[in-house]
Protein backbone atom coordinates (compact mmCIF):
# COMPACT_ATOMS: atom_id res chain seq x y z
CA MET A 1 12.42 -8.84 32.39
CA LYS A 2 14.84 -7.88 29.65
CA ARG A 3 15.55 -4.52 28.07
CA TYR A 4 14.67 -3.80 24.47
CA ILE A 5 15.77 -0.77 22.44
CA VAL A 6 13.06 0.29 20.01
CA LYS A 7 14.05 0.34 16.33
CA GLU A 8 12.78 2.42 13.44
CA GLU A 9 9.26 1.35 12.39
CA ASP A 10 8.75 -0.85 15.47
CA THR A 11 5.25 -1.13 16.87
CA LEU A 12 3.97 -3.00 19.89
CA HIS A 13 2.47 -5.67 17.66
CA LYS A 14 5.70 -6.12 15.71
CA VAL A 15 7.83 -6.37 18.84
CA ALA A 16 5.43 -8.85 20.37
CA TRP A 17 5.47 -10.91 17.18
CA GLU A 18 9.26 -10.94 16.86
CA ASN A 19 9.70 -11.97 20.48
CA ASN A 20 6.92 -14.55 20.45
CA ILE A 21 4.92 -12.85 23.20
CA PHE A 22 1.63 -10.95 23.37
CA VAL A 23 1.11 -7.19 23.40
CA LYS A 24 -0.57 -7.44 26.81
CA ASP A 25 2.68 -8.92 28.17
CA ILE A 26 4.57 -5.82 27.03
CA LEU A 27 1.92 -3.52 28.51
CA ASP A 28 2.19 -5.31 31.85
CA CYS A 29 5.94 -4.60 31.91
CA ASN A 30 5.61 -0.94 30.82
CA PRO A 31 2.90 0.97 32.71
CA HIS A 32 3.57 4.14 30.71
CA LEU A 33 2.21 2.38 27.60
CA LEU A 34 -1.54 2.80 27.94
CA ASN A 35 -2.89 0.36 25.36
CA SER A 36 -2.09 -1.68 22.28
CA GLN A 37 -2.27 1.43 20.09
CA SER A 38 0.45 3.29 22.03
CA TYR A 39 3.41 4.39 19.93
CA ILE A 40 6.95 3.30 20.72
CA TYR A 41 9.74 5.48 19.36
CA PRO A 42 13.21 4.67 17.98
CA GLY A 43 15.82 4.69 20.73
CA ASP A 44 13.31 4.26 23.55
CA GLU A 45 13.99 1.55 26.09
CA ILE A 46 11.14 -0.76 27.02
CA TYR A 47 10.97 -3.99 28.98
CA LEU A 48 9.93 -7.38 27.71
CA PRO A 49 8.93 -10.38 29.81
CA LEU A 50 11.12 -13.48 29.99
CA ILE A 51 8.33 -15.67 28.68
CA TYR A 52 7.15 -16.91 25.31
CA VAL A 53 3.90 -18.32 24.05
CA GLY A 54 5.31 -21.64 22.88
CA GLU A 55 5.49 -22.42 19.19
CA ASN A 56 6.36 -19.55 16.89
CA ARG A 57 3.22 -17.99 15.52
CA VAL A 58 2.60 -18.05 11.79
CA GLU A 59 0.69 -15.35 9.96
CA ARG A 60 -1.34 -17.30 7.43
CA PHE A 61 -2.61 -15.92 4.14
CA GLY A 62 -5.59 -13.71 4.88
CA GLU A 63 -4.46 -13.05 8.45
CA CYS A 64 -3.06 -9.80 9.86
CA LEU A 65 -1.44 -9.87 13.31
CA LYS A 66 0.88 -6.88 12.99
CA GLU A 67 1.43 -3.76 10.92
CA PHE A 68 3.04 -4.02 7.49
CA SER A 69 5.84 -1.60 6.53
CA HIS A 70 8.38 -1.06 3.74
CA LEU A 71 10.77 -3.28 5.71
CA ASP A 72 8.37 -6.18 5.22
CA ILE A 73 8.45 -5.56 1.49
CA GLU A 74 12.26 -5.71 1.59
CA HIS A 75 12.03 -9.05 3.39
CA TYR A 76 9.89 -10.49 0.61
CA VAL A 77 12.14 -9.00 -2.08
CA TYR A 78 15.13 -10.74 -0.53
CA LYS A 79 13.21 -14.00 -0.40
CA TRP A 80 12.19 -13.77 -4.06
CA ASN A 81 15.69 -12.82 -5.20
CA MET A 82 17.09 -15.86 -3.39
CA SER A 83 14.53 -18.22 -4.97
CA ARG A 84 14.81 -20.21 -8.18
CA ASN A 85 11.92 -18.55 -9.94
CA VAL A 86 10.34 -20.27 -12.92
CA ILE A 87 8.73 -17.07 -14.22
CA PRO A 88 10.79 -13.95 -14.98
CA LEU A 89 11.05 -11.72 -11.90
CA GLU A 90 12.90 -8.45 -11.37
CA THR A 91 12.96 -6.15 -8.35
CA LYS A 92 14.41 -2.67 -8.12
CA SER A 93 13.95 0.72 -6.51
CA ILE A 94 12.42 3.27 -8.87
CA GLY A 95 13.07 6.16 -6.54
CA LEU A 96 13.31 7.35 -2.97
CA SER A 97 10.77 8.93 -0.67
CA ILE A 98 11.48 12.24 1.00
CA LEU A 99 13.03 10.32 3.92
CA ASN A 100 15.09 8.16 1.53
CA LYS A 101 13.01 5.01 1.81
CA PRO A 102 13.08 2.95 -1.40
CA ILE A 103 9.98 2.88 -3.56
CA ARG A 104 10.14 -0.73 -4.65
CA LEU A 105 9.00 -2.10 -8.01
CA ILE A 106 8.41 -5.80 -8.59
CA LYS A 107 8.16 -6.88 -12.22
CA VAL A 108 6.79 -10.36 -13.00
CA GLY A 109 6.56 -12.01 -16.40
CA ASP A 110 7.70 -11.04 -19.90
CA GLY A 111 4.46 -10.91 -21.86
CA LYS A 112 3.46 -8.23 -24.35
CA LYS A 113 0.57 -6.86 -22.26
CA LYS A 114 1.71 -4.51 -19.49
CA VAL A 115 -0.37 -4.10 -16.33
CA PHE A 116 0.41 -1.90 -13.32
CA TYR A 117 -0.78 -2.39 -9.71
CA SER A 118 -0.01 0.10 -6.93
CA GLY A 119 -0.85 0.45 -3.22
CA SER A 120 -0.44 2.65 -0.13
CA TRP A 121 -0.84 5.94 -1.92
CA HIS A 122 -2.10 7.06 1.48
CA GLY A 123 -0.29 6.51 4.76
CA ASN A 124 -3.27 5.07 6.60
CA GLU A 125 -4.04 2.58 3.81
CA TRP A 126 -1.00 0.34 4.42
CA MET A 127 -3.14 -2.80 4.30
CA THR A 128 -3.17 -2.48 0.50
CA SER A 129 0.62 -3.01 0.55
CA LYS A 130 0.22 -6.15 2.59
CA LEU A 131 -2.40 -7.42 0.17
CA LEU A 132 -0.33 -6.80 -2.97
CA THR A 133 2.92 -8.13 -1.50
CA GLU A 134 1.41 -11.29 -0.03
CA TRP A 135 -0.61 -11.91 -3.18
CA LEU A 136 2.62 -11.65 -5.20
CA ASP A 137 4.26 -14.12 -2.84
CA HIS A 138 1.31 -16.45 -3.28
CA ILE A 139 1.54 -16.50 -7.08
CA ILE A 140 5.36 -16.66 -7.16
CA THR A 141 5.37 -19.59 -4.73
CA SER A 142 2.60 -21.37 -6.64
CA ALA A 143 4.49 -20.98 -9.92
CA ASN A 144 7.74 -22.19 -8.38
CA ASN A 145 5.91 -25.27 -7.06
CA ASN A 146 4.43 -25.88 -10.53
CA GLN A 147 0.92 -25.38 -9.17
CA ASP A 148 -2.03 -23.78 -10.92
CA TYR A 149 -3.41 -20.73 -9.16
CA PHE A 150 -7.19 -21.04 -8.80
CA GLY A 151 -7.23 -22.94 -12.06
CA THR A 152 -4.82 -20.62 -13.89
CA ASP A 153 -1.55 -21.82 -15.44
CA LEU A 154 0.75 -19.07 -14.17
CA ARG A 155 3.67 -19.96 -16.41
CA GLN A 156 1.51 -19.53 -19.49
CA LEU A 157 -0.17 -16.39 -18.12
CA PHE A 158 3.14 -14.62 -17.54
CA LYS A 159 4.24 -15.40 -21.08
CA GLU A 160 1.34 -13.20 -22.14
CA VAL A 161 1.44 -10.54 -19.42
CA THR A 162 4.07 -8.46 -17.65
CA LEU A 163 2.87 -7.29 -14.24
CA TYR A 164 4.44 -4.26 -12.58
CA VAL A 165 3.69 -3.74 -8.88
CA VAL A 166 4.64 -0.86 -6.56
CA PRO A 167 3.19 -2.12 -3.27
CA MET A 168 3.93 1.05 -1.28
CA VAL A 169 3.95 4.45 -2.98
CA ASN A 170 4.04 6.39 0.32
CA PRO A 171 6.43 4.66 2.78
CA ASP A 172 7.03 7.82 4.85
CA GLY A 173 3.32 8.34 5.46
CA VAL A 174 2.86 4.68 6.37
CA ALA A 175 5.71 4.90 8.90
CA LEU A 176 4.19 8.00 10.50
CA VAL A 177 0.79 6.35 10.89
CA GLN A 178 2.35 3.26 12.44
CA GLN A 179 5.05 4.73 14.69
CA GLY A 180 4.00 8.32 15.26
CA ASN A 181 6.13 11.45 15.62
CA TYR A 182 9.11 11.85 17.95
CA PRO A 183 11.73 14.58 18.64
CA GLU A 184 14.44 12.92 16.54
CA HIS A 185 12.20 12.73 13.48
CA PRO A 186 13.62 15.02 10.76
CA TYR A 187 10.16 16.55 10.22
CA TYR A 188 9.17 16.63 13.88
CA ASP A 189 8.25 20.32 14.13
CA PHE A 190 6.61 20.41 10.71
CA ILE A 191 4.49 17.36 11.50
CA ASN A 192 3.41 18.82 14.84
CA LYS A 193 2.32 22.05 13.17
CA THR A 194 0.58 20.29 10.28
CA ASN A 195 -1.22 17.92 12.65
CA LYS A 196 -2.26 20.85 14.88
CA TYR A 197 -0.15 19.43 17.74
CA THR A 198 -2.22 16.31 18.19
CA HIS A 199 -0.20 13.16 18.78
CA THR A 200 -2.19 10.50 16.92
CA PHE A 201 -1.90 9.86 13.20
CA ASP A 202 -4.60 7.37 12.23
CA HIS A 203 -6.12 10.08 10.04
CA TRP A 204 -2.87 10.90 8.20
CA SER A 205 -3.00 9.97 4.52
CA ALA A 206 -0.50 12.48 3.09
CA ASN A 207 3.21 12.04 2.52
CA ILE A 208 5.62 13.39 5.12
CA ARG A 209 5.38 16.91 3.64
CA GLY A 210 1.62 16.97 4.06
CA VAL A 211 0.84 16.46 0.36
CA ASP A 212 -1.81 13.98 -0.77
CA LEU A 213 -0.07 11.88 -3.44
CA ASN A 214 -3.39 11.00 -5.08
CA HIS A 215 -4.30 14.67 -5.49
CA GLN A 216 -1.03 15.45 -7.27
CA TRP A 217 -1.94 14.59 -10.82
CA PRO A 218 -2.56 17.02 -13.70
CA ALA A 219 -6.13 15.94 -14.38
CA GLY A 220 -8.45 18.60 -13.02
CA TRP A 221 -5.68 19.45 -10.54
CA GLN A 222 -6.61 23.11 -10.17
CA LYS A 223 -10.25 22.30 -9.48
CA GLU A 224 -9.26 19.75 -6.83
CA ALA A 225 -6.74 22.17 -5.30
CA ASP A 226 -9.33 24.94 -5.09
CA GLU A 227 -11.68 22.63 -3.17
CA SER A 228 -9.04 21.25 -0.79
CA PRO A 229 -6.78 22.62 1.96
CA SER A 230 -4.47 25.39 0.72
CA GLU A 231 -1.49 24.39 2.86
CA PRO A 232 0.19 21.14 4.00
CA TRP A 233 -2.43 19.00 5.72
CA PRO A 234 -2.81 15.41 6.95
CA ARG A 235 -4.98 14.73 3.89
CA HIS A 236 -6.30 16.20 0.63
CA TYR A 237 -3.69 18.98 0.16
CA SER A 238 -2.84 18.86 -3.55
CA GLY A 239 0.54 20.60 -3.25
CA LYS A 240 1.72 23.88 -4.78
CA ALA A 241 1.54 22.36 -8.25
CA PRO A 242 1.05 18.98 -9.88
CA LEU A 243 3.82 16.39 -9.48
CA THR A 244 5.96 18.20 -6.92
CA GLU A 245 6.62 15.19 -4.69
CA PRO A 246 9.35 12.59 -5.36
CA GLU A 247 6.93 9.72 -4.77
CA SER A 248 4.51 11.05 -7.41
CA ILE A 249 7.29 11.84 -9.84
CA CYS A 250 8.74 8.33 -9.79
CA ILE A 251 5.29 6.83 -10.53
CA TYR A 252 4.85 9.35 -13.35
CA ASP A 253 8.25 8.45 -14.81
CA LEU A 254 7.52 4.72 -14.57
CA THR A 255 4.12 5.11 -16.23
CA VAL A 256 5.46 7.16 -19.11
CA LYS A 257 8.41 4.83 -19.64
CA GLU A 258 6.49 1.55 -19.56
CA ASP A 259 3.35 2.69 -21.42
CA PHE A 260 0.97 0.42 -19.50
CA ASP A 261 -2.10 -1.07 -21.17
CA TYR A 262 -4.15 -0.41 -18.04
CA VAL A 263 -3.65 0.31 -14.33
CA LEU A 264 -5.21 -0.68 -11.00
CA ALA A 265 -4.60 1.59 -8.01
CA PHE A 266 -5.50 -0.04 -4.68
CA HIS A 267 -6.89 2.13 -1.89
CA SER A 268 -9.10 1.64 1.15
CA GLN A 269 -11.96 1.70 1.89
CA GLY A 270 -15.50 1.18 0.56
CA GLN A 271 -15.66 -2.14 -1.37
CA GLU A 272 -16.04 -0.19 -4.62
CA ILE A 273 -14.30 -0.01 -7.99
CA PHE A 274 -14.11 3.35 -9.75
CA TRP A 275 -13.53 3.09 -13.49
CA GLY A 276 -14.30 6.37 -15.25
CA TYR A 277 -13.09 9.94 -15.48
CA ARG A 278 -15.06 12.73 -17.21
CA GLY A 279 -16.26 10.32 -19.88
CA LEU A 280 -12.71 9.94 -21.23
CA GLU A 281 -12.43 6.24 -20.43
CA PRO A 282 -12.58 3.80 -23.37
CA GLN A 283 -15.71 1.81 -24.04
CA GLU A 284 -14.16 -1.49 -22.90
CA SER A 285 -13.65 -0.16 -19.36
CA GLU A 286 -17.25 -0.94 -18.42
CA LYS A 287 -17.00 -4.61 -19.38
CA MET A 288 -13.63 -4.85 -17.63
CA VAL A 289 -14.97 -3.45 -14.38
CA GLU A 290 -17.92 -5.86 -14.55
CA ARG A 291 -15.43 -8.73 -14.63
CA LEU A 292 -13.53 -7.31 -11.66
CA SER A 293 -16.79 -6.87 -9.78
CA LEU A 294 -17.86 -10.48 -10.39
CA LYS A 295 -14.55 -11.73 -8.99
CA SER A 296 -14.68 -9.55 -5.88
CA SER A 297 -18.31 -8.66 -5.09
CA TYR A 298 -17.21 -5.01 -5.05
CA VAL A 299 -19.59 -2.43 -6.54
CA PRO A 300 -18.61 -0.69 -9.81
CA LYS A 301 -18.95 3.10 -9.80
CA ARG A 302 -18.14 5.17 -12.81
CA THR A 303 -16.79 8.24 -11.04
CA ALA A 304 -15.80 9.35 -7.57
CA ASP A 305 -16.75 12.97 -8.40
CA SER A 306 -13.18 14.09 -7.73
CA ASP A 307 -10.10 15.10 -9.69
CA GLY A 308 -6.33 15.00 -9.46
CA GLY A 309 -5.98 11.24 -8.97
CA TYR A 310 -3.50 8.91 -10.63
CA LYS A 311 -6.25 6.86 -12.28
CA ASP A 312 -7.86 10.09 -13.53
CA TRP A 313 -4.62 11.28 -15.10
CA PHE A 314 -3.90 7.91 -16.69
CA ILE A 315 -7.32 7.79 -18.35
CA GLN A 316 -7.06 11.41 -19.48
CA GLU A 317 -3.59 11.08 -20.97
CA THR A 318 -3.81 7.63 -22.55
CA ARG A 319 -7.56 7.07 -23.10
CA ARG A 320 -6.89 3.59 -21.72
CA PRO A 321 -8.64 1.82 -18.82
CA GLY A 322 -7.78 2.76 -15.27
CA PHE A 323 -9.35 1.53 -12.04
CA THR A 324 -9.32 2.54 -8.38
CA ILE A 325 -10.02 -0.42 -6.12
CA GLU A 326 -11.33 0.58 -2.69
CA VAL A 327 -10.70 -2.49 -0.53
CA GLY A 328 -12.37 -3.21 2.80
CA VAL A 329 -14.98 -1.26 4.70
CA GLY A 330 -14.66 0.89 7.82
CA ILE A 331 -12.42 3.73 8.96
CA ASN A 332 -8.75 3.95 7.94
CA PRO A 333 -6.48 2.50 9.04
CA LEU A 334 -8.63 -0.59 8.86
CA PRO A 335 -8.40 -2.93 11.86
CA PHE A 336 -6.38 -6.13 11.59
CA ARG A 337 -9.57 -8.20 11.45
CA ALA A 338 -10.58 -6.47 8.19
CA TYR A 339 -7.78 -8.18 6.31
CA GLY A 340 -9.60 -11.49 6.01
CA GLU A 341 -12.34 -9.93 3.87
CA ILE A 342 -9.78 -7.95 1.88
CA TRP A 343 -7.79 -11.07 1.06
CA SER A 344 -10.86 -13.15 0.27
CA ASN A 345 -12.42 -10.57 -2.05
CA ASN A 346 -9.26 -9.43 -3.84
CA VAL A 347 -7.21 -12.56 -4.56
CA LEU A 348 -9.33 -13.41 -7.58
CA LEU A 349 -9.81 -9.74 -8.49
CA ALA A 350 -6.04 -9.31 -8.72
CA LEU A 351 -5.78 -12.49 -10.80
CA GLU A 352 -8.61 -11.40 -13.09
CA GLY A 353 -6.88 -8.06 -13.48
CA LEU A 354 -4.15 -9.84 -15.45
CA LYS A 355 -6.64 -11.32 -17.91
CA LEU A 356 -8.72 -8.29 -18.89
């Protein structure tokens, strides 16, 4: 056996992947780790077997074999920045999370129409980040290889459209769901108190300060706050006021600056597309959502009977179309095996979203 020092945002599945072994091999070497969902914490020492499974495993499109974090996004950003891209591409950080993780923006194309996609508003919905990032890689690679994408000429499309993508709005919440809480964590005591001293975080959707980033928006905010927890909570706490959190503020600033034509916010789960807010949405929203539904098989629903969401605020302030895409079905965080359906049903939805 060999020793391994756990790094920030490591999980058993990631360590197994990087060392070309299986999770069960790690569990056999570390009896204190009870199962494949056990957390491993930065600085911990674990043992790995001196074996490997043979050829390096490849995670194919539509396949999920490990968790996806903000570090994976940085890997793709580096890859894209090192490529000779045939369509305009820009990457930058538009802000920092509470724990100083970059909130990454990828901008593709230089067309007049501006479209915004976003994911992982909630910590336990990290699979939306994987979807958006890998879909971006798919279209960038296809364009660089001079290939049509499901019959679409990408070079021509991105002369007409500029796509803005923030794959992970809530990197701190994602990290907590994936790696858990540990004594060296800067919010260790706060998290323990907020989580009522339980040590699992599958249910955590808030940011690291216990604020739900999709309840932060000044569109019926007071009503939503009155019907939600009144203090920091793993989910649904709207904060002391609208737009108090740095993650929400940087999305607000981006939206105001870029003046998007329409927005798609990706969440999980339910296989539904919400497209209205208090009757303020424009008439064309209904036809647009029908097109998204036909490309995904997801069910259009006018309203989620809630307030304070990003899509709600966008519709209210601009009177332009906004959509919440609820990918997958099950309980968050969705299991790895759910990703196949998510990929299959959203590749063409995301492409159609550029043509509305």
